[in-house]
C-alpha atoms as a PDB file:
ATOM      1  CA  UNK A   1       2.037 -12.733 -17.366  1.00  0.00           C
ATOM      2  CA  UNK A   2       4.391 -10.166 -16.309  1.00  0.00           C
ATOM      3  CA  UNK A   3       6.105  -7.912 -18.623  1.00  0.00           C
ATOM      4  CA  UNK A   4       9.410  -9.465 -17.674  1.00  0.00           C
ATOM      5  CA  UNK A   5      10.382 -12.756 -16.471  1.00  0.00           C
ATOM      6  CA  UNK A   6      10.833 -13.291 -12.649  1.00  0.00           C
ATOM      7  CA  UNK A   7      14.308 -13.214 -11.235  1.00  0.00           C
ATOM      8  CA  UNK A   8      15.799 -16.216  -9.007  1.00  0.00           C
ATOM      9  CA  UNK A   9      15.610 -13.663  -5.911  1.00  0.00           C
ATOM     10  CA  UNK A  10      12.703 -12.900  -4.025  1.00  0.00           C
ATOM     11  CA  UNK A  11       9.650 -15.140  -2.151  1.00  0.00           C
ATOM     12  CA  UNK A  12       6.800 -13.625  -3.839  1.00  0.00           C
ATOM     13  CA  UNK A  13       6.222 -12.819  -7.540  1.00  0.00           C
ATOM     14  CA  UNK A  14       6.637  -8.972  -6.680  1.00  0.00           C
ATOM     15  CA  UNK A  15       9.788  -9.399  -4.803  1.00  0.00           C
ATOM     16  CA  UNK A  16      11.202 -11.745  -7.782  1.00  0.00           C
ATOM     17  CA  UNK A  17      10.630  -9.027 -10.389  1.00  0.00           C
ATOM     18  CA  UNK A  18      12.437  -6.586  -8.274  1.00  0.00           C
ATOM     19  CA  UNK A  19      14.983  -9.331  -7.707  1.00  0.00           C
ATOM     20  CA  UNK A  20      16.664  -8.521 -11.252  1.00  0.00           C
ATOM     21  CA  UNK A  21      18.443  -5.657  -8.897  1.00  0.00           C
ATOM     22  CA  UNK A  22      18.773  -7.541  -5.465  1.00  0.00           C
ATOM     23  CA  UNK A  23      19.851  -4.745  -3.757  1.00  0.00           C
ATOM     24  CA  UNK A  24      16.803  -2.777  -4.595  1.00  0.00           C
ATOM     25  CA  UNK A  25      14.765  -6.071  -3.753  1.00  0.00           C
ATOM     26  CA  UNK A  26      16.113  -6.396  -0.376  1.00  0.00           C
ATOM     27  CA  UNK A  27      15.848  -2.688   0.692  1.00  0.00           C
ATOM     28  CA  UNK A  28      12.366  -2.177  -0.712  1.00  0.00           C
ATOM     29  CA  UNK A  29      11.415  -5.389   1.368  1.00  0.00           C
ATOM     30  CA  UNK A  30      12.720  -4.158   4.430  1.00  0.00           C
ATOM     31  CA  UNK A  31      11.062  -0.782   3.997  1.00  0.00           C
ATOM     32  CA  UNK A  32       7.891  -2.387   3.347  1.00  0.00           C
ATOM     33  CA  UNK A  33       7.927  -4.587   6.333  1.00  0.00           C
ATOM     34  CA  UNK A  34       8.785  -1.602   8.553  1.00  0.00           C
ATOM     35  CA  UNK A  35       5.813   0.459   7.056  1.00  0.00           C
ATOM     36  CA  UNK A  36       3.227  -2.598   6.969  1.00  0.00           C
ATOM     37  CA  UNK A  37       3.945  -3.682  10.730  1.00  0.00           C
ATOM     38  CA  UNK A  38       2.123  -2.360  13.972  1.00  0.00           C
ATOM     39  CA  UNK A  39       3.934   0.757  14.724  1.00  0.00           C
ATOM     40  CA  UNK A  40       2.066   3.975  15.611  1.00  0.00           C
ATOM     41  CA  UNK A  41      -0.511   2.698  13.529  1.00  0.00           C
ATOM     42  CA  UNK A  42      -1.860  -0.979  13.671  1.00  0.00           C
ATOM     43  CA  UNK A  43      -1.191  -3.185  10.716  1.00  0.00           C
ATOM     44  CA  UNK A  44      -4.958  -3.797  10.433  1.00  0.00           C
ATOM     45  CA  UNK A  45      -5.591  -0.031   9.550  1.00  0.00           C
ATOM     46  CA  UNK A  46      -2.696  -0.149   7.339  1.00  0.00           C
ATOM     47  CA  UNK A  47      -4.146  -3.264   5.621  1.00  0.00           C
ATOM     48  CA  UNK A  48      -7.431  -1.490   4.935  1.00  0.00           C
ATOM     49  CA  UNK A  49      -5.532   1.720   3.664  1.00  0.00           C
ATOM     50  CA  UNK A  50      -3.703  -0.702   1.249  1.00  0.00           C
ATOM     51  CA  UNK A  51      -6.867  -2.551  -0.150  1.00  0.00           C
ATOM     52  CA  UNK A  52      -8.260   0.833  -0.578  1.00  0.00           C
ATOM     53  CA  UNK A  53      -5.591   2.077  -2.509  1.00  0.00           C
ATOM     54  CA  UNK A  54      -5.322  -1.220  -4.630  1.00  0.00           C
ATOM     55  CA  UNK A  55      -8.967  -0.913  -6.089  1.00  0.00           C
ATOM     56  CA  UNK A  56      -7.862   2.238  -7.975  1.00  0.00           C
ATOM     57  CA  UNK A  57      -3.845   2.119  -8.517  1.00  0.00           C
ATOM     58  CA  UNK A  58      -4.074  -0.549 -11.220  1.00  0.00           C
ATOM     59  CA  UNK A  59      -2.257  -3.539  -9.982  1.00  0.00           C
ATOM     60  CA  UNK A  60      -4.216  -6.767 -10.355  1.00  0.00           C
ATOM     61  CA  UNK A  61      -2.057  -8.711  -8.118  1.00  0.00           C
ATOM     62  CA  UNK A  62      -2.634  -6.004  -5.197  1.00  0.00           C
ATOM     63  CA  UNK A  63      -6.613  -6.087  -5.886  1.00  0.00           C
ATOM     64  CA  UNK A  64      -6.608  -9.758  -5.689  1.00  0.00           C
ATOM     65  CA  UNK A  65      -5.754  -9.709  -1.953  1.00  0.00           C
ATOM     66  CA  UNK A  66      -9.115  -8.390  -1.046  1.00  0.00           C
ATOM     67  CA  UNK A  67     -11.360  -5.380  -1.052  1.00  0.00           C
ATOM     68  CA  UNK A  68     -11.580  -3.157   1.968  1.00  0.00           C
ATOM     69  CA  UNK A  69     -13.710  -4.566   4.926  1.00  0.00           C
ATOM     70  CA  UNK A  70     -15.840  -1.901   6.419  1.00  0.00           C
ATOM     71  CA  UNK A  71     -16.841  -4.294   9.374  1.00  0.00           C
ATOM     72  CA  UNK A  72     -13.164  -4.150  10.803  1.00  0.00           C
ATOM     73  CA  UNK A  73     -13.271  -0.297  10.741  1.00  0.00           C
ATOM     74  CA  UNK A  74     -12.786   1.976  13.887  1.00  0.00           C
ATOM     75  CA  UNK A  75     -12.930   5.648  13.722  1.00  0.00           C
ATOM     76  CA  UNK A  76      -9.333   5.645  13.047  1.00  0.00           C
ATOM     77  CA  UNK A  77      -9.374   3.400  10.196  1.00  0.00           C
ATOM     78  CA  UNK A  78     -12.733   5.097   8.776  1.00  0.00           C
ATOM     79  CA  UNK A  79     -10.440   8.278   8.795  1.00  0.00           C
ATOM     80  CA  UNK A  80      -7.310   6.659   7.252  1.00  0.00           C
ATOM     81  CA  UNK A  81      -9.230   5.107   4.503  1.00  0.00           C
ATOM     82  CA  UNK A  82     -11.202   8.414   3.830  1.00  0.00           C
ATOM     83  CA  UNK A  83      -7.962  10.092   3.515  1.00  0.00           C
ATOM     84  CA  UNK A  84      -6.415   7.365   1.337  1.00  0.00           C
ATOM     85  CA  UNK A  85      -9.584   8.064  -0.880  1.00  0.00           C
ATOM     86  CA  UNK A  86      -8.951  11.740  -0.946  1.00  0.00           C
ATOM     87  CA  UNK A  87      -5.108  10.942  -1.928  1.00  0.00           C
ATOM     88  CA  UNK A  88      -6.545   8.746  -4.901  1.00  0.00           C
ATOM     89  CA  UNK A  89      -8.522  11.683  -6.129  1.00  0.00           C
ATOM     90  CA  UNK A  90      -6.305  14.722  -5.344  1.00  0.00           C
ATOM     91  CA  UNK A  91      -2.680  13.050  -5.251  1.00  0.00           C
ATOM     92  CA  UNK A  92      -0.607  15.373  -3.497  1.00  0.00           C
ATOM     93  CA  UNK A  93      -2.708  18.318  -3.696  1.00  0.00           C
ATOM     94  CA  UNK A  94      -4.711  17.603  -0.409  1.00  0.00           C
ATOM     95  CA  UNK A  95      -6.127  20.499   1.503  1.00  0.00           C
ATOM     96  CA  UNK A  96      -5.243  22.086   4.670  1.00  0.00           C
ATOM     97  CA  UNK A  97      -8.886  21.494   6.009  1.00  0.00           C
ATOM     98  CA  UNK A  98      -8.282  17.576   5.137  1.00  0.00           C
ATOM     99  CA  UNK A  99      -5.011  17.678   7.808  1.00  0.00           C
ATOM    100  CA  UNK A 100      -7.081  19.452  10.075  1.00  0.00           C
ATOM    101  CA  UNK A 101      -9.505  16.451  10.296  1.00  0.00           C
ATOM    102  CA  UNK A 102      -6.711  14.324  10.697  1.00  0.00           C
ATOM    103  CA  UNK A 103      -5.306  16.131  13.451  1.00  0.00           C
ATOM    104  CA  UNK A 104      -8.484  15.767  15.548  1.00  0.00           C
ATOM    105  CA  UNK A 105      -7.850  11.781  15.773  1.00  0.00           C
ATOM    106  CA  UNK A 106      -3.916  11.281  14.824  1.00  0.00           C
ATOM    107  CA  UNK A 107      -0.704  12.475  16.235  1.00  0.00           C
ATOM    108  CA  UNK A 108       2.000  13.978  13.971  1.00  0.00           C
ATOM    109  CA  UNK A 109       3.900  10.884  14.211  1.00  0.00           C
ATOM    110  CA  UNK A 110       0.705   8.797  13.115  1.00  0.00           C
ATOM    111  CA  UNK A 111       0.083  11.363  10.297  1.00  0.00           C
ATOM    112  CA  UNK A 112       3.565  11.176   9.190  1.00  0.00           C
ATOM    113  CA  UNK A 113       3.426   7.191   9.134  1.00  0.00           C
ATOM    114  CA  UNK A 114       0.054   7.315   7.376  1.00  0.00           C
ATOM    115  CA  UNK A 115       1.409   9.550   4.653  1.00  0.00           C
ATOM    116  CA  UNK A 116       4.750   7.447   4.128  1.00  0.00           C
ATOM    117  CA  UNK A 117       2.530   4.157   4.106  1.00  0.00           C
ATOM    118  CA  UNK A 118       0.125   5.560   1.311  1.00  0.00           C
ATOM    119  CA  UNK A 119       3.218   6.846  -0.697  1.00  0.00           C
ATOM    120  CA  UNK A 120       5.175   3.674  -0.589  1.00  0.00           C
ATOM    121  CA  UNK A 121       2.084   1.349  -0.905  1.00  0.00           C
ATOM    122  CA  UNK A 122       0.970   3.557  -4.313  1.00  0.00           C
ATOM    123  CA  UNK A 123       4.550   2.990  -5.425  1.00  0.00           C
ATOM    124  CA  UNK A 124       4.423  -0.591  -5.005  1.00  0.00           C
ATOM    125  CA  UNK A 125       1.162  -0.796  -6.676  1.00  0.00           C
ATOM    126  CA  UNK A 126       2.158   1.306  -9.484  1.00  0.00           C
ATOM    127  CA  UNK A 127       5.145  -0.954 -10.098  1.00  0.00           C
ATOM    128  CA  UNK A 128       2.819  -4.045  -9.980  1.00  0.00           C
ATOM    129  CA  UNK A 129       0.390  -2.403 -12.466  1.00  0.00           C
ATOM    130  CA  UNK A 130       3.402  -1.284 -14.708  1.00  0.00           C
ATOM    131  CA  UNK A 131       4.832  -4.702 -14.629  1.00  0.00           C
ATOM    132  CA  UNK A 132       1.433  -6.486 -15.426  1.00  0.00           C
ATOM    133  CA  UNK A 133       1.883  -8.372 -12.419  1.00  0.00           C
ATOM    134  CA  UNK A 134      -1.259 -10.726 -12.068  1.00  0.00           C
ATOM    135  CA  UNK A 135      -3.415 -12.455  -9.388  1.00  0.00           C
ATOM    136  CA  UNK A 136      -1.440 -15.745  -8.339  1.00  0.00           C
ATOM    137  CA  UNK A 137      -3.722 -18.709  -9.212  1.00  0.00           C
ATOM    138  CA  UNK A 138      -4.132 -21.280  -6.775  1.00  0.00           C
ATOM    139  CA  UNK A 139      -1.740 -23.995  -7.176  1.00  0.00           C
ATOM    140  CA  UNK A 140       1.021 -21.772  -8.151  1.00  0.00           C
END
């Protein structure tokens, strides 16, 4: 059970916890939808990054959506997932060498999008962990 009751606002359990401040929930949702969709990076790549982050960020709700699927990886996805794993270990203290590797495959725009996605997703997952958001049981 989450630490606070769900509000009446929002569609998902996550949104309903944020919905106690409707403006925050709405802005968070818009930003999330923008970052998660196909932009410079594919939504498939970003989903694999999200799943990788979820395994370490402590949110049971996020982990329940599945583990990374390596059979879906192409070269870019492998690099993005690897970068996410480096982030998990080193947080913001990522070496210039790591960015040099990214720059071999990713444009500056893609690197910017990847870093923004990783930071936003981590914030979501930390919020879920902090609030003890749990896996949704079937039938709920």
